[in-house]
N, C-alpha and C. Protein backbone atom coordinates (compact mmCIF):
# COMPACT_ATOMS: atom_id res chain seq x y z
N UNK A 1 125.65 43.63 33.97
CA UNK A 1 126.22 44.01 35.25
C UNK A 1 125.80 45.49 35.55
N UNK A 2 125.01 45.62 36.56
CA UNK A 2 124.46 46.89 37.02
C UNK A 2 125.49 47.53 37.92
N UNK A 3 125.91 48.76 37.56
CA UNK A 3 126.96 49.49 38.35
C UNK A 3 126.38 50.74 38.91
N UNK A 4 126.57 50.96 40.18
CA UNK A 4 126.05 52.10 40.92
C UNK A 4 127.25 52.94 41.42
N UNK A 5 127.14 54.21 41.15
CA UNK A 5 128.17 55.15 41.73
C UNK A 5 127.53 55.81 42.96
N UNK A 6 128.15 55.58 44.12
CA UNK A 6 127.63 56.15 45.39
C UNK A 6 128.61 57.38 45.74
N UNK A 7 127.98 58.50 45.88
CA UNK A 7 128.72 59.77 46.16
C UNK A 7 128.22 60.34 47.46
N UNK A 8 129.04 60.24 48.47
CA UNK A 8 128.71 60.79 49.80
C UNK A 8 129.99 61.09 50.53
N UNK A 9 130.01 62.21 51.27
CA UNK A 9 131.23 62.52 52.03
C UNK A 9 131.34 61.69 53.27
N UNK A 10 130.33 60.99 53.67
CA UNK A 10 130.36 60.20 54.89
C UNK A 10 130.64 58.77 54.48
N UNK A 11 131.84 58.27 54.97
CA UNK A 11 132.31 56.95 54.73
C UNK A 11 131.25 55.91 55.23
N UNK A 12 130.72 56.12 56.40
CA UNK A 12 129.79 55.21 56.98
C UNK A 12 128.55 54.98 56.09
N UNK A 13 128.08 56.08 55.56
CA UNK A 13 126.85 56.03 54.62
C UNK A 13 127.22 55.27 53.33
N UNK A 14 128.40 55.55 52.74
CA UNK A 14 128.82 54.86 51.54
C UNK A 14 128.91 53.39 51.80
N UNK A 15 129.49 53.00 53.00
CA UNK A 15 129.72 51.58 53.29
C UNK A 15 128.34 50.85 53.46
N UNK A 16 127.44 51.52 54.15
CA UNK A 16 126.09 50.96 54.35
C UNK A 16 125.40 50.65 53.07
N UNK A 17 125.38 51.62 52.18
CA UNK A 17 124.75 51.47 50.85
C UNK A 17 125.52 50.40 50.00
N UNK A 18 126.84 50.52 50.02
CA UNK A 18 127.64 49.55 49.28
C UNK A 18 127.42 48.17 49.74
N UNK A 19 127.41 47.93 51.03
CA UNK A 19 127.13 46.59 51.55
C UNK A 19 125.77 46.04 51.10
N UNK A 20 124.75 46.88 51.15
CA UNK A 20 123.38 46.47 50.83
C UNK A 20 123.31 46.12 49.30
N UNK A 21 123.85 47.04 48.49
CA UNK A 21 123.68 46.86 47.05
C UNK A 21 124.61 45.72 46.55
N UNK A 22 125.77 45.58 47.14
CA UNK A 22 126.66 44.49 46.73
C UNK A 22 126.01 43.07 47.03
N UNK A 23 125.34 43.05 48.08
CA UNK A 23 124.65 41.77 48.45
C UNK A 23 123.50 41.48 47.47
N UNK A 24 123.00 42.54 46.80
CA UNK A 24 121.95 42.32 45.78
C UNK A 24 122.51 42.10 44.42
N UNK A 25 123.89 42.09 44.28
CA UNK A 25 124.53 41.78 43.01
C UNK A 25 124.98 43.00 42.22
N UNK A 26 124.92 44.15 42.71
CA UNK A 26 125.35 45.34 42.04
C UNK A 26 126.86 45.53 42.20
N UNK A 27 127.53 46.06 41.20
CA UNK A 27 128.93 46.45 41.37
C UNK A 27 128.88 47.91 41.82
N UNK A 28 129.84 48.37 42.62
CA UNK A 28 129.83 49.65 43.17
C UNK A 28 131.11 50.42 42.86
N UNK A 29 130.88 51.74 42.62
CA UNK A 29 131.97 52.72 42.50
C UNK A 29 131.67 53.73 43.58
N UNK A 30 132.69 54.32 44.15
CA UNK A 30 132.46 55.29 45.20
C UNK A 30 133.29 56.56 45.01
N UNK A 31 132.70 57.70 45.47
CA UNK A 31 133.44 58.96 45.54
C UNK A 31 133.00 59.68 46.80
N UNK A 32 133.98 60.41 47.33
CA UNK A 32 133.73 61.08 48.63
C UNK A 32 133.39 62.58 48.53
N UNK A 33 133.52 63.09 47.30
CA UNK A 33 133.02 64.51 47.03
C UNK A 33 132.73 64.60 45.54
N UNK A 34 132.23 65.75 45.18
CA UNK A 34 131.70 66.01 43.81
C UNK A 34 132.82 65.99 42.78
N UNK A 35 133.94 66.55 43.11
CA UNK A 35 135.06 66.51 42.17
C UNK A 35 135.52 65.05 41.88
N UNK A 36 135.67 64.27 42.90
CA UNK A 36 136.01 62.83 42.71
C UNK A 36 134.98 62.12 41.89
N UNK A 37 133.69 62.47 42.19
CA UNK A 37 132.58 61.84 41.46
C UNK A 37 132.68 62.12 39.96
N UNK A 38 132.95 63.40 39.61
CA UNK A 38 133.12 63.73 38.17
C UNK A 38 134.27 62.90 37.56
N UNK A 39 135.39 62.71 38.23
CA UNK A 39 136.45 61.96 37.69
C UNK A 39 136.00 60.46 37.56
N UNK A 40 135.39 59.91 38.57
CA UNK A 40 134.95 58.50 38.46
C UNK A 40 133.96 58.33 37.38
N UNK A 41 132.98 59.32 37.29
CA UNK A 41 131.99 59.22 36.24
C UNK A 41 132.58 59.33 34.82
N UNK A 42 133.58 60.19 34.60
CA UNK A 42 134.21 60.34 33.31
C UNK A 42 134.94 59.04 32.94
N UNK A 43 135.50 58.40 33.87
CA UNK A 43 136.30 57.18 33.56
C UNK A 43 135.45 55.86 33.41
N UNK A 44 134.17 55.99 33.91
CA UNK A 44 133.26 54.82 33.90
C UNK A 44 131.87 54.96 33.38
N UNK A 45 131.65 56.11 32.65
CA UNK A 45 130.31 56.47 32.25
C UNK A 45 129.60 55.42 31.40
N UNK A 46 130.27 54.62 30.72
CA UNK A 46 129.65 53.55 29.92
C UNK A 46 129.12 52.44 30.74
N UNK A 47 129.57 52.28 31.94
CA UNK A 47 129.12 51.12 32.77
C UNK A 47 128.20 51.55 33.92
N UNK A 48 128.17 52.84 34.27
CA UNK A 48 127.34 53.24 35.40
C UNK A 48 125.90 53.27 34.98
N UNK A 49 125.04 52.59 35.80
CA UNK A 49 123.62 52.57 35.54
C UNK A 49 122.81 53.65 36.44
N UNK A 50 123.44 53.94 37.58
CA UNK A 50 122.71 54.79 38.55
C UNK A 50 123.74 55.46 39.39
N UNK A 51 123.41 56.76 39.73
CA UNK A 51 124.24 57.49 40.63
C UNK A 51 123.40 57.90 41.87
N UNK A 52 123.86 57.46 43.06
CA UNK A 52 123.22 57.93 44.29
C UNK A 52 124.15 59.14 44.83
N UNK A 53 123.55 60.28 44.81
CA UNK A 53 124.36 61.51 45.00
C UNK A 53 123.88 62.36 46.15
N UNK A 54 124.70 62.45 47.17
CA UNK A 54 124.42 63.26 48.36
C UNK A 54 124.41 64.74 47.91
N UNK A 55 123.50 65.54 48.41
CA UNK A 55 123.38 66.94 48.01
C UNK A 55 124.41 67.81 48.85
N UNK A 56 124.52 67.60 50.07
CA UNK A 56 125.35 68.40 50.98
C UNK A 56 126.73 67.78 51.22
N UNK A 57 127.71 68.28 50.36
CA UNK A 57 129.10 67.73 50.42
C UNK A 57 130.02 68.89 50.31
N UNK A 58 131.19 68.69 50.88
CA UNK A 58 132.21 69.76 50.70
C UNK A 58 132.78 69.76 49.28
N UNK A 59 133.63 70.65 48.92
CA UNK A 59 134.32 70.76 47.67
C UNK A 59 133.37 71.17 46.56
N UNK A 60 132.48 70.21 46.18
CA UNK A 60 131.54 70.47 45.06
C UNK A 60 130.23 69.75 45.56
N UNK A 61 129.15 70.51 45.77
CA UNK A 61 127.92 69.93 46.33
C UNK A 61 127.22 69.09 45.24
N UNK A 62 126.22 68.29 45.72
CA UNK A 62 125.56 67.35 44.84
C UNK A 62 124.83 68.05 43.61
N UNK A 63 124.24 69.25 43.85
CA UNK A 63 123.50 69.89 42.78
C UNK A 63 124.50 70.37 41.69
N UNK A 64 125.64 70.91 42.11
CA UNK A 64 126.63 71.36 41.17
C UNK A 64 127.27 70.15 40.39
N UNK A 65 127.44 69.09 41.12
CA UNK A 65 127.95 67.85 40.57
C UNK A 65 127.04 67.31 39.46
N UNK A 66 125.75 67.26 39.80
CA UNK A 66 124.73 66.80 38.84
C UNK A 66 124.71 67.68 37.60
N UNK A 67 124.80 68.96 37.75
CA UNK A 67 124.77 69.86 36.62
C UNK A 67 125.99 69.59 35.67
N UNK A 68 127.14 69.26 36.30
CA UNK A 68 128.34 68.99 35.48
C UNK A 68 128.25 67.66 34.78
N UNK A 69 127.65 66.67 35.44
CA UNK A 69 127.45 65.41 34.82
C UNK A 69 126.55 65.48 33.64
């Protein structure tokens, strides 16, 4: 089971990517900012295959999030 973590502060963008990847058989996890992404990653790191990470986000941007992951 391939799991993708989608991290984007725009709900519309997350939904668009989620709908497309779900239709292709991927399971999806979502986060709306970098801090939430770190929490989701910590709790699911053994099943996440790919992270799609927006760079420009409030709270913790994508670059800082990536460094912490």
